[in-house]
C-alpha cells in the first residue's frame, strides 16, 4: 500500500498583518505588547512583517495580550462573490431600469444595486426617500439626472454623488446608462 500524504504548504501562514491590525485597533504600541508578552519589540515587529515564523507558544502569548484566539489568526476573511449574471432582480420602483442586487442577500451593512437604465427611464414623478443613512450613486456609463427638492445634478460616466438616504430625490436618464447604487446600511436591515 502506498502512502498518499499531502506535502506541506510551501510558505507558512502569514499572520503578521492580523497581529498588527489587532494591536493598532487597540492603540497598543510595540513596547506595550513586548512588556506584556515578554518578547522584544524587534521580534514582534519581525513577526508583524512576517519576516519570521513564531512558535506556537509565542503566538499564544501575543494572542493573549491582544485578546485574540489563536484560531482567529488563521481564519479566512468573510467574503462572497455575486456574479452579475446570477444576481437577483430587485425593483426600486420607477420605470425602464433593470436592477440587480450585487451584494449577498444577508449583507445588512451595505447593499449595492447594479442598474441597466433605458433612455427615457425614470425613478417616478414624485420625490422619494430610501430607508438608509447614506446613498452613493456612481455612473458607469451614460448620464443620469438626479433631482432633489431644490436642485438637479447632472451626472456623467465616472461621476459619483453621495447624499443622505432621507433626502427626497428622484432620477431620470436622457440616454441609455449603467449605474451603481450603494445603500448604507441595507434598507431592509433595520439598522437605520
N, C-alpha and C. Protein backbone atom coordinates (compact mmCIF):
# COMPACT_ATOMS: atom_id res chain seq x y z
N UNK A 1 0.84 -1.17 0.00
CA UNK A 1 0.00 0.00 0.00
C UNK A 1 0.89 1.24 0.00
N UNK A 2 0.53 2.19 -0.84
CA UNK A 2 1.29 3.43 -0.91
C UNK A 2 0.69 4.47 0.03
N UNK A 3 1.58 5.21 0.64
CA UNK A 3 1.12 6.34 1.44
C UNK A 3 0.87 7.52 0.52
N UNK A 4 -0.25 8.15 0.69
CA UNK A 4 -0.58 9.34 -0.10
C UNK A 4 -0.72 10.49 0.88
N UNK A 5 0.40 11.14 1.12
CA UNK A 5 0.42 12.23 2.09
C UNK A 5 0.61 13.55 1.36
N UNK A 6 -0.22 14.51 1.65
CA UNK A 6 -0.04 15.81 1.01
C UNK A 6 1.23 16.48 1.53
N UNK A 7 1.89 17.18 0.66
CA UNK A 7 3.07 17.92 1.06
C UNK A 7 2.66 19.15 1.86
N UNK A 8 3.55 19.59 2.70
CA UNK A 8 3.29 20.82 3.46
C UNK A 8 3.23 21.99 2.48
N UNK A 9 2.45 22.97 2.85
CA UNK A 9 2.36 24.18 2.03
C UNK A 9 3.74 24.80 1.94
N UNK A 10 4.10 25.31 0.78
CA UNK A 10 5.45 25.82 0.56
C UNK A 10 5.76 27.04 1.42
N UNK A 11 4.77 27.84 1.75
CA UNK A 11 5.03 29.01 2.59
C UNK A 11 4.16 28.92 3.84
N UNK A 12 4.72 29.32 4.97
CA UNK A 12 3.95 29.25 6.21
C UNK A 12 2.81 30.27 6.18
N UNK A 13 1.79 30.04 7.02
CA UNK A 13 0.70 31.01 7.07
C UNK A 13 1.22 32.39 7.47
N UNK A 14 0.66 33.41 6.87
CA UNK A 14 1.08 34.77 7.15
C UNK A 14 0.08 35.38 8.14
N UNK A 15 0.53 35.51 9.38
CA UNK A 15 -0.36 36.00 10.43
C UNK A 15 0.03 37.40 10.91
N UNK A 16 1.14 37.90 10.44
CA UNK A 16 1.65 39.19 10.91
C UNK A 16 0.69 40.35 10.74
N UNK A 17 0.06 40.43 9.59
CA UNK A 17 -0.85 41.56 9.33
C UNK A 17 -2.03 41.54 10.30
N UNK A 18 -2.52 40.35 10.64
CA UNK A 18 -3.65 40.26 11.58
C UNK A 18 -3.20 40.67 12.98
N UNK A 19 -2.01 40.26 13.38
CA UNK A 19 -1.50 40.66 14.68
C UNK A 19 -1.31 42.18 14.75
N UNK A 20 -0.73 42.74 13.70
CA UNK A 20 -0.50 44.19 13.68
C UNK A 20 -1.83 44.94 13.70
N UNK A 21 -2.80 44.48 12.90
CA UNK A 21 -4.11 45.15 12.86
C UNK A 21 -4.78 45.11 14.24
N UNK A 22 -4.68 43.98 14.93
CA UNK A 22 -5.28 43.87 16.27
C UNK A 22 -4.58 44.80 17.25
N UNK A 23 -3.27 44.90 17.14
CA UNK A 23 -2.52 45.79 18.04
C UNK A 23 -2.89 47.25 17.80
N UNK A 24 -2.92 47.65 16.53
CA UNK A 24 -3.24 49.04 16.20
C UNK A 24 -4.68 49.39 16.53
N UNK A 25 -5.59 48.44 16.35
CA UNK A 25 -7.00 48.70 16.66
C UNK A 25 -7.19 49.00 18.15
N UNK A 26 -6.30 48.48 18.97
CA UNK A 26 -6.38 48.71 20.41
C UNK A 26 -5.45 49.84 20.85
N UNK A 27 -4.83 50.50 19.88
CA UNK A 27 -3.91 51.62 20.15
C UNK A 27 -2.77 51.19 21.07
N UNK A 28 -2.27 49.99 20.86
CA UNK A 28 -1.15 49.48 21.65
C UNK A 28 0.15 49.68 20.88
N UNK A 29 1.18 50.05 21.59
CA UNK A 29 2.49 50.19 20.97
C UNK A 29 3.20 48.84 20.98
N UNK A 30 4.25 48.74 20.16
CA UNK A 30 5.08 47.54 20.19
C UNK A 30 5.66 47.35 21.59
N UNK A 31 6.04 48.45 22.21
CA UNK A 31 6.64 48.39 23.54
C UNK A 31 5.66 47.80 24.56
N UNK A 32 4.41 48.23 24.51
CA UNK A 32 3.40 47.71 25.44
C UNK A 32 3.20 46.22 25.25
N UNK A 33 3.06 45.79 24.00
CA UNK A 33 2.87 44.36 23.72
C UNK A 33 4.11 43.58 24.14
N UNK A 34 5.28 44.14 23.91
CA UNK A 34 6.53 43.47 24.30
C UNK A 34 6.59 43.27 25.81
N UNK A 35 6.23 44.31 26.57
CA UNK A 35 6.26 44.21 28.03
C UNK A 35 5.33 43.11 28.54
N UNK A 36 4.13 43.03 27.96
CA UNK A 36 3.14 42.08 28.45
C UNK A 36 3.33 40.66 27.92
N UNK A 37 4.12 40.51 26.87
CA UNK A 37 4.33 39.17 26.29
C UNK A 37 5.72 38.61 26.56
N UNK A 38 6.57 39.42 27.20
CA UNK A 38 7.96 39.02 27.46
C UNK A 38 8.73 38.73 26.18
N UNK A 39 8.41 39.48 25.13
CA UNK A 39 9.14 39.40 23.85
C UNK A 39 9.76 40.76 23.59
N UNK A 40 10.70 40.82 22.66
CA UNK A 40 11.29 42.12 22.34
C UNK A 40 10.47 42.84 21.28
N UNK A 41 10.59 44.17 21.28
CA UNK A 41 9.89 44.97 20.25
C UNK A 41 10.35 44.56 18.86
N UNK A 42 11.65 44.35 18.71
CA UNK A 42 12.19 43.97 17.41
C UNK A 42 11.63 42.66 16.91
N UNK A 43 11.52 41.69 17.82
CA UNK A 43 10.98 40.38 17.42
C UNK A 43 9.52 40.51 17.02
N UNK A 44 8.74 41.23 17.81
CA UNK A 44 7.32 41.42 17.48
C UNK A 44 7.18 42.12 16.14
N UNK A 45 8.02 43.11 15.89
CA UNK A 45 8.00 43.81 14.61
C UNK A 45 8.27 42.86 13.45
N UNK A 46 9.25 41.96 13.62
CA UNK A 46 9.55 40.98 12.57
C UNK A 46 8.38 40.02 12.36
N UNK A 47 7.72 39.62 13.46
CA UNK A 47 6.55 38.75 13.35
C UNK A 47 5.44 39.47 12.58
N UNK A 48 5.20 40.74 12.91
CA UNK A 48 4.15 41.51 12.23
C UNK A 48 4.44 41.69 10.75
N UNK A 49 5.71 41.72 10.37
CA UNK A 49 6.08 41.85 8.96
C UNK A 49 6.20 40.49 8.28
N UNK A 50 5.93 39.42 9.01
CA UNK A 50 6.07 38.04 8.52
C UNK A 50 7.50 37.75 8.07
N UNK A 51 8.47 38.39 8.73
CA UNK A 51 9.88 38.12 8.46
C UNK A 51 10.37 36.89 9.21
N UNK A 52 9.60 36.45 10.20
CA UNK A 52 9.96 35.27 10.97
C UNK A 52 8.69 34.50 11.30
N UNK A 53 8.83 33.21 11.51
CA UNK A 53 7.69 32.37 11.88
C UNK A 53 7.74 32.10 13.38
N UNK A 54 6.81 32.64 14.13
CA UNK A 54 6.84 32.46 15.58
C UNK A 54 6.41 31.05 15.98
N UNK A 55 6.85 30.63 17.14
CA UNK A 55 6.43 29.33 17.68
C UNK A 55 4.98 29.43 18.14
N UNK A 56 4.38 28.29 18.40
CA UNK A 56 3.01 28.26 18.91
C UNK A 56 2.94 28.99 20.25
N UNK A 57 3.94 28.79 21.10
CA UNK A 57 3.96 29.46 22.41
C UNK A 57 4.01 30.98 22.24
N UNK A 58 4.79 31.46 21.28
CA UNK A 58 4.87 32.90 21.02
C UNK A 58 3.54 33.42 20.51
N UNK A 59 2.93 32.69 19.59
CA UNK A 59 1.62 33.11 19.08
C UNK A 59 0.59 33.16 20.21
N UNK A 60 0.64 32.17 21.09
CA UNK A 60 -0.30 32.15 22.21
C UNK A 60 -0.10 33.37 23.11
N UNK A 61 1.15 33.72 23.36
CA UNK A 61 1.44 34.88 24.21
C UNK A 61 0.94 36.16 23.55
N UNK A 62 1.21 36.32 22.26
CA UNK A 62 0.76 37.51 21.56
C UNK A 62 -0.77 37.58 21.51
N UNK A 63 -1.40 36.46 21.24
CA UNK A 63 -2.87 36.43 21.19
C UNK A 63 -3.48 36.76 22.54
N UNK A 64 -2.86 36.28 23.61
CA UNK A 64 -3.38 36.57 24.94
C UNK A 64 -3.31 38.07 25.22
N UNK A 65 -2.20 38.70 24.88
CA UNK A 65 -2.05 40.14 25.09
C UNK A 65 -3.05 40.92 24.24
N UNK A 66 -3.28 40.45 23.02
CA UNK A 66 -4.15 41.17 22.08
C UNK A 66 -5.62 40.77 22.18
N UNK A 67 -5.93 39.80 23.03
CA UNK A 67 -7.33 39.39 23.20
C UNK A 67 -7.88 38.63 22.00
N UNK A 68 -7.01 37.90 21.32
CA UNK A 68 -7.42 37.11 20.16
C UNK A 68 -7.37 35.63 20.51
N UNK A 69 -8.18 34.84 19.82
CA UNK A 69 -7.98 33.40 19.90
C UNK A 69 -6.97 33.05 18.81
N UNK A 70 -6.21 32.01 19.04
CA UNK A 70 -5.19 31.64 18.05
C UNK A 70 -5.85 31.31 16.71
N UNK A 71 -7.06 30.76 16.75
CA UNK A 71 -7.77 30.41 15.53
C UNK A 71 -8.09 31.61 14.66
N UNK A 72 -8.29 32.78 15.29
CA UNK A 72 -8.60 33.98 14.51
C UNK A 72 -7.48 34.35 13.54
N UNK A 73 -6.27 33.97 13.88
CA UNK A 73 -5.13 34.29 13.01
C UNK A 73 -5.18 33.51 11.70
N UNK A 74 -5.89 32.39 11.70
CA UNK A 74 -5.90 31.52 10.53
C UNK A 74 -7.23 31.52 9.79
N UNK A 75 -8.19 32.29 10.29
CA UNK A 75 -9.50 32.36 9.63
C UNK A 75 -9.39 33.12 8.32
N UNK A 76 -10.10 32.64 7.34
CA UNK A 76 -10.20 33.35 6.07
C UNK A 76 -11.17 34.51 6.24
N UNK A 77 -10.95 35.62 5.56
CA UNK A 77 -11.88 36.74 5.68
C UNK A 77 -13.25 36.36 5.11
N UNK A 78 -14.29 36.93 5.72
CA UNK A 78 -15.64 36.72 5.18
C UNK A 78 -15.73 37.44 3.84
N UNK A 79 -15.95 36.70 2.82
CA UNK A 79 -16.11 37.33 1.51
C UNK A 79 -17.09 36.50 0.70
N UNK A 80 -17.75 37.16 -0.20
CA UNK A 80 -18.72 36.48 -1.06
C UNK A 80 -18.70 37.14 -2.42
N UNK A 81 -18.72 36.33 -3.44
CA UNK A 81 -18.77 36.85 -4.81
C UNK A 81 -20.19 36.70 -5.32
N UNK A 82 -20.72 37.78 -5.85
CA UNK A 82 -22.03 37.73 -6.51
C UNK A 82 -21.77 38.10 -7.97
N UNK A 83 -21.97 37.16 -8.85
CA UNK A 83 -21.79 37.40 -10.28
C UNK A 83 -23.04 38.10 -10.81
N UNK A 84 -22.83 39.11 -11.64
CA UNK A 84 -23.96 39.89 -12.16
C UNK A 84 -25.00 39.00 -12.82
N UNK A 85 -24.55 38.00 -13.57
CA UNK A 85 -25.49 37.10 -14.25
C UNK A 85 -26.35 36.29 -13.27
N UNK A 86 -25.84 36.10 -12.05
CA UNK A 86 -26.57 35.33 -11.04
C UNK A 86 -27.26 36.20 -10.00
N UNK A 87 -27.04 37.51 -10.06
CA UNK A 87 -27.59 38.42 -9.05
C UNK A 87 -29.11 38.50 -9.17
N UNK A 88 -29.81 38.51 -8.03
CA UNK A 88 -31.27 38.58 -8.08
C UNK A 88 -31.76 39.95 -8.55
N UNK A 89 -32.88 39.94 -9.26
CA UNK A 89 -33.51 41.20 -9.65
C UNK A 89 -34.08 41.87 -8.41
N UNK A 90 -34.09 43.19 -8.44
CA UNK A 90 -34.69 43.97 -7.36
C UNK A 90 -35.42 45.13 -8.02
N UNK A 91 -36.53 45.53 -7.47
CA UNK A 91 -37.31 46.62 -8.06
C UNK A 91 -37.37 47.77 -7.08
N UNK A 92 -36.70 48.86 -7.44
CA UNK A 92 -36.72 50.06 -6.60
C UNK A 92 -37.82 51.02 -7.02
N UNK A 93 -38.67 50.60 -7.92
CA UNK A 93 -39.72 51.49 -8.40
C UNK A 93 -39.25 52.23 -9.63
N UNK A 94 -40.09 53.08 -10.16
CA UNK A 94 -39.73 53.79 -11.37
C UNK A 94 -40.00 52.94 -12.59
N UNK A 95 -39.47 53.38 -13.72
CA UNK A 95 -39.73 52.68 -14.98
C UNK A 95 -38.48 52.68 -15.85
N UNK A 96 -38.25 51.57 -16.54
CA UNK A 96 -37.19 51.49 -17.53
C UNK A 96 -35.83 51.12 -17.00
N UNK A 97 -35.76 50.56 -15.79
CA UNK A 97 -34.47 50.15 -15.24
C UNK A 97 -34.52 48.68 -14.87
N UNK A 98 -33.47 47.95 -15.24
CA UNK A 98 -33.32 46.56 -14.82
C UNK A 98 -32.27 46.56 -13.72
N UNK A 99 -32.69 46.21 -12.50
CA UNK A 99 -31.82 46.34 -11.35
C UNK A 99 -31.52 44.98 -10.73
N UNK A 100 -30.25 44.78 -10.41
CA UNK A 100 -29.79 43.55 -9.77
C UNK A 100 -29.11 43.90 -8.44
N UNK A 101 -29.42 43.14 -7.40
CA UNK A 101 -28.72 43.30 -6.13
C UNK A 101 -27.42 42.51 -6.22
N UNK A 102 -26.29 43.21 -6.17
CA UNK A 102 -25.00 42.56 -6.37
C UNK A 102 -24.22 42.35 -5.07
N UNK A 103 -24.88 42.55 -3.93
CA UNK A 103 -24.31 42.16 -2.65
C UNK A 103 -25.06 40.92 -2.17
N UNK A 104 -24.44 40.12 -1.32
CA UNK A 104 -25.14 38.93 -0.82
C UNK A 104 -26.44 39.29 -0.11
N UNK A 105 -27.42 38.43 -0.22
CA UNK A 105 -28.74 38.69 0.38
C UNK A 105 -28.66 38.97 1.87
N UNK A 106 -27.77 38.34 2.58
CA UNK A 106 -27.69 38.51 4.03
C UNK A 106 -26.83 39.67 4.48
N UNK A 107 -26.24 40.41 3.56
CA UNK A 107 -25.36 41.52 3.92
C UNK A 107 -26.20 42.71 4.35
N UNK A 108 -26.15 43.05 5.64
CA UNK A 108 -27.00 44.14 6.13
C UNK A 108 -26.27 45.47 6.24
N UNK A 109 -24.95 45.46 6.20
CA UNK A 109 -24.19 46.70 6.37
C UNK A 109 -24.24 47.59 5.13
N UNK A 110 -24.37 46.97 3.96
CA UNK A 110 -24.37 47.73 2.71
C UNK A 110 -25.15 46.93 1.67
N UNK A 111 -25.79 47.65 0.77
CA UNK A 111 -26.48 47.00 -0.34
C UNK A 111 -26.07 47.73 -1.62
N UNK A 112 -25.64 46.97 -2.63
CA UNK A 112 -25.25 47.56 -3.91
C UNK A 112 -26.21 47.06 -4.97
N UNK A 113 -26.63 48.00 -5.81
CA UNK A 113 -27.58 47.67 -6.87
C UNK A 113 -26.99 48.13 -8.20
N UNK A 114 -26.88 47.20 -9.13
CA UNK A 114 -26.39 47.49 -10.48
C UNK A 114 -27.61 47.74 -11.36
N UNK A 115 -27.66 48.91 -11.99
CA UNK A 115 -28.84 49.29 -12.79
C UNK A 115 -28.47 49.48 -14.25
N UNK A 116 -29.15 48.76 -15.11
CA UNK A 116 -29.09 48.98 -16.56
C UNK A 116 -30.32 49.81 -16.88
N UNK A 117 -30.11 51.03 -17.38
CA UNK A 117 -31.18 52.01 -17.48
C UNK A 117 -31.42 52.37 -18.95
N UNK A 118 -32.67 52.27 -19.38
CA UNK A 118 -33.03 52.62 -20.75
C UNK A 118 -33.09 54.14 -20.91
N UNK A 119 -32.91 54.59 -22.13
CA UNK A 119 -33.11 56.00 -22.43
C UNK A 119 -34.55 56.37 -22.11
N UNK A 120 -34.76 57.46 -21.39
CA UNK A 120 -36.10 57.89 -21.01
C UNK A 120 -36.60 57.29 -19.70
N UNK A 121 -35.82 56.42 -19.09
CA UNK A 121 -36.23 55.81 -17.82
C UNK A 121 -36.24 56.85 -16.71
N UNK A 122 -36.97 56.55 -15.64
CA UNK A 122 -37.06 57.50 -14.52
C UNK A 122 -37.41 56.77 -13.23
N UNK A 123 -37.16 57.46 -12.12
CA UNK A 123 -37.47 56.92 -10.79
C UNK A 123 -38.86 57.26 -10.32
N UNK A 124 -39.65 57.89 -11.17
CA UNK A 124 -41.01 58.28 -10.80
C UNK A 124 -41.14 59.80 -10.79
N UNK A 125 -42.37 60.27 -10.90
CA UNK A 125 -42.63 61.72 -10.91
C UNK A 125 -42.35 62.35 -9.55
N UNK A 126 -42.72 61.64 -8.49
CA UNK A 126 -42.60 62.20 -7.14
C UNK A 126 -41.24 61.90 -6.52
N UNK A 127 -40.78 62.83 -5.70
CA UNK A 127 -39.55 62.61 -4.95
C UNK A 127 -39.79 61.51 -3.92
N UNK A 128 -38.78 60.72 -3.63
CA UNK A 128 -38.90 59.64 -2.66
C UNK A 128 -37.64 59.59 -1.80
N UNK A 129 -37.71 58.85 -0.71
CA UNK A 129 -36.54 58.63 0.15
C UNK A 129 -36.29 57.13 0.25
N UNK A 130 -35.09 56.78 0.68
CA UNK A 130 -34.72 55.38 0.89
C UNK A 130 -34.39 55.22 2.38
N UNK A 131 -34.80 54.13 2.96
CA UNK A 131 -34.55 53.87 4.38
C UNK A 131 -33.10 53.43 4.60
N UNK A 132 -32.18 54.39 4.44
CA UNK A 132 -30.76 54.13 4.70
C UNK A 132 -30.13 55.44 5.14
N UNK A 133 -28.96 55.37 5.74
CA UNK A 133 -28.28 56.59 6.19
C UNK A 133 -27.62 57.31 5.03
N UNK A 134 -26.98 56.55 4.15
CA UNK A 134 -26.19 57.13 3.07
C UNK A 134 -26.52 56.43 1.76
N UNK A 135 -26.68 57.23 0.71
CA UNK A 135 -26.83 56.70 -0.64
C UNK A 135 -25.64 57.20 -1.45
N UNK A 136 -25.07 56.31 -2.22
CA UNK A 136 -23.98 56.68 -3.13
C UNK A 136 -24.42 56.22 -4.52
N UNK A 137 -24.30 57.09 -5.49
CA UNK A 137 -24.65 56.76 -6.87
C UNK A 137 -23.43 57.00 -7.74
N UNK A 138 -23.01 55.96 -8.45
CA UNK A 138 -21.87 56.07 -9.36
C UNK A 138 -22.34 55.73 -10.77
N UNK A 139 -22.03 56.61 -11.71
CA UNK A 139 -22.42 56.40 -13.10
C UNK A 139 -21.28 55.69 -13.82
N UNK A 140 -21.56 54.50 -14.30
CA UNK A 140 -20.57 53.71 -15.03
C UNK A 140 -20.54 54.11 -16.49
N UNK A 141 -21.73 54.32 -17.05
CA UNK A 141 -21.86 54.63 -18.48
C UNK A 141 -23.10 55.50 -18.65
N UNK A 142 -23.04 56.47 -19.53
CA UNK A 142 -24.21 57.28 -19.85
C UNK A 142 -24.33 58.52 -18.99
N UNK A 143 -25.59 58.90 -18.71
CA UNK A 143 -25.87 60.14 -17.98
C UNK A 143 -27.16 59.97 -17.18
N UNK A 144 -27.15 60.49 -15.98
CA UNK A 144 -28.34 60.44 -15.12
C UNK A 144 -28.57 61.82 -14.52
N UNK A 145 -29.83 62.22 -14.45
CA UNK A 145 -30.19 63.48 -13.80
C UNK A 145 -30.80 63.12 -12.45
N UNK A 146 -30.19 63.58 -11.39
CA UNK A 146 -30.66 63.30 -10.03
C UNK A 146 -31.32 64.57 -9.50
N UNK A 147 -32.65 64.51 -9.30
CA UNK A 147 -33.41 65.69 -8.89
C UNK A 147 -33.71 65.64 -7.40
N UNK A 148 -33.36 66.73 -6.73
CA UNK A 148 -33.68 66.93 -5.32
C UNK A 148 -34.77 67.99 -5.24
N UNK A 149 -35.22 68.33 -4.04
CA UNK A 149 -36.29 69.32 -3.87
C UNK A 149 -35.89 70.69 -4.42
N UNK A 150 -34.63 71.06 -4.30
CA UNK A 150 -34.22 72.41 -4.70
C UNK A 150 -33.17 72.44 -5.81
N UNK A 151 -32.74 71.29 -6.30
CA UNK A 151 -31.71 71.29 -7.34
C UNK A 151 -31.74 69.99 -8.14
N UNK A 152 -31.08 70.03 -9.29
CA UNK A 152 -30.90 68.83 -10.11
C UNK A 152 -29.42 68.71 -10.44
N UNK A 153 -28.87 67.53 -10.21
CA UNK A 153 -27.46 67.27 -10.52
C UNK A 153 -27.39 66.41 -11.78
N UNK A 154 -26.56 66.81 -12.73
CA UNK A 154 -26.34 66.03 -13.94
C UNK A 154 -25.06 65.23 -13.74
N UNK A 155 -25.20 63.92 -13.77
CA UNK A 155 -24.07 63.02 -13.54
C UNK A 155 -23.74 62.28 -14.82
N UNK A 156 -22.46 62.26 -15.16
CA UNK A 156 -22.00 61.57 -16.36
C UNK A 156 -21.07 60.42 -15.96
N UNK A 157 -20.69 59.62 -16.93
CA UNK A 157 -19.82 58.46 -16.68
C UNK A 157 -18.61 58.87 -15.85
N UNK A 158 -18.38 58.12 -14.78
CA UNK A 158 -17.26 58.40 -13.89
C UNK A 158 -17.63 59.26 -12.69
N UNK A 159 -18.79 59.92 -12.73
CA UNK A 159 -19.21 60.78 -11.62
C UNK A 159 -19.83 59.95 -10.50
N UNK A 160 -19.63 60.42 -9.28
CA UNK A 160 -20.21 59.79 -8.09
C UNK A 160 -20.77 60.88 -7.20
N UNK A 161 -21.96 60.64 -6.65
CA UNK A 161 -22.56 61.57 -5.70
C UNK A 161 -22.94 60.81 -4.45
N UNK A 162 -22.77 61.44 -3.30
CA UNK A 162 -23.12 60.87 -2.01
C UNK A 162 -24.09 61.81 -1.32
N UNK A 163 -25.18 61.25 -0.76
CA UNK A 163 -26.19 62.08 -0.09
C UNK A 163 -26.95 61.24 0.92
N UNK A 164 -27.62 61.89 1.88
CA UNK A 164 -28.40 61.13 2.86
C UNK A 164 -29.58 60.42 2.21
N UNK A 165 -29.84 59.18 2.63
CA UNK A 165 -30.99 58.45 2.10
C UNK A 165 -32.30 59.13 2.43
N UNK A 166 -32.29 59.95 3.47
CA UNK A 166 -33.51 60.67 3.88
C UNK A 166 -33.78 61.90 3.03
N UNK A 167 -32.88 62.23 2.11
CA UNK A 167 -33.06 63.39 1.23
C UNK A 167 -34.01 63.02 0.09
N UNK A 168 -35.17 63.68 -0.02
CA UNK A 168 -36.10 63.36 -1.10
C UNK A 168 -35.45 63.58 -2.47
N UNK A 169 -35.61 62.60 -3.36
CA UNK A 169 -34.98 62.68 -4.68
C UNK A 169 -35.71 61.78 -5.66
N UNK A 170 -35.40 61.96 -6.93
CA UNK A 170 -35.78 61.04 -7.99
C UNK A 170 -34.75 61.20 -9.09
N UNK A 171 -34.86 60.42 -10.14
CA UNK A 171 -33.86 60.46 -11.19
C UNK A 171 -34.50 60.26 -12.55
N UNK A 172 -33.77 60.64 -13.59
CA UNK A 172 -34.19 60.37 -14.96
C UNK A 172 -32.94 60.17 -15.80
N UNK A 173 -33.10 59.42 -16.89
CA UNK A 173 -31.98 59.10 -17.77
C UNK A 173 -32.29 59.56 -19.18
N UNK A 174 -31.61 60.60 -19.68
CA UNK A 174 -31.85 61.05 -21.05
C UNK A 174 -31.27 60.10 -22.10
N UNK A 175 -30.31 59.27 -21.69
CA UNK A 175 -29.69 58.30 -22.59
C UNK A 175 -29.56 56.96 -21.87
N UNK A 176 -29.32 55.90 -22.63
CA UNK A 176 -29.09 54.59 -22.02
C UNK A 176 -27.89 54.70 -21.08
N UNK A 177 -28.03 54.17 -19.87
CA UNK A 177 -26.99 54.34 -18.86
C UNK A 177 -26.82 53.08 -18.02
N UNK A 178 -25.70 53.03 -17.34
CA UNK A 178 -25.43 51.99 -16.35
C UNK A 178 -24.98 52.69 -15.09
N UNK A 179 -25.57 52.30 -13.96
CA UNK A 179 -25.24 52.96 -12.70
C UNK A 179 -25.10 51.93 -11.59
N UNK A 180 -24.41 52.32 -10.54
CA UNK A 180 -24.26 51.50 -9.35
C UNK A 180 -24.74 52.33 -8.16
N UNK A 181 -25.78 51.83 -7.48
CA UNK A 181 -26.32 52.48 -6.28
C UNK A 181 -25.76 51.73 -5.08
N UNK A 182 -25.30 52.47 -4.09
CA UNK A 182 -24.83 51.87 -2.85
C UNK A 182 -25.66 52.45 -1.71
N UNK A 183 -26.30 51.58 -0.93
CA UNK A 183 -27.17 52.00 0.17
C UNK A 183 -26.57 51.50 1.47
N UNK A 184 -26.33 52.44 2.40
CA UNK A 184 -25.66 52.10 3.65
C UNK A 184 -26.50 52.58 4.83
N UNK A 185 -26.91 51.69 5.73
CA UNK A 185 -26.91 50.23 5.61
C UNK A 185 -28.02 49.80 4.66
N UNK A 186 -28.11 48.50 4.43
CA UNK A 186 -29.16 47.97 3.56
C UNK A 186 -30.52 48.41 4.11
N UNK A 187 -31.41 48.91 3.24
CA UNK A 187 -32.70 49.45 3.71
C UNK A 187 -33.53 48.47 4.54
N UNK A 188 -33.43 47.20 4.27
CA UNK A 188 -34.23 46.20 4.97
C UNK A 188 -33.62 45.78 6.30
N UNK A 189 -32.42 46.25 6.62
CA UNK A 189 -31.66 45.72 7.76
C UNK A 189 -32.21 46.11 9.13
N UNK A 190 -32.95 47.22 9.20
CA UNK A 190 -33.41 47.72 10.49
C UNK A 190 -32.31 48.44 11.26
N UNK A 191 -31.18 48.73 10.62
CA UNK A 191 -30.06 49.39 11.28
C UNK A 191 -30.14 50.91 11.22
N UNK A 192 -31.15 51.45 10.55
CA UNK A 192 -31.25 52.91 10.42
C UNK A 192 -31.95 53.48 11.63
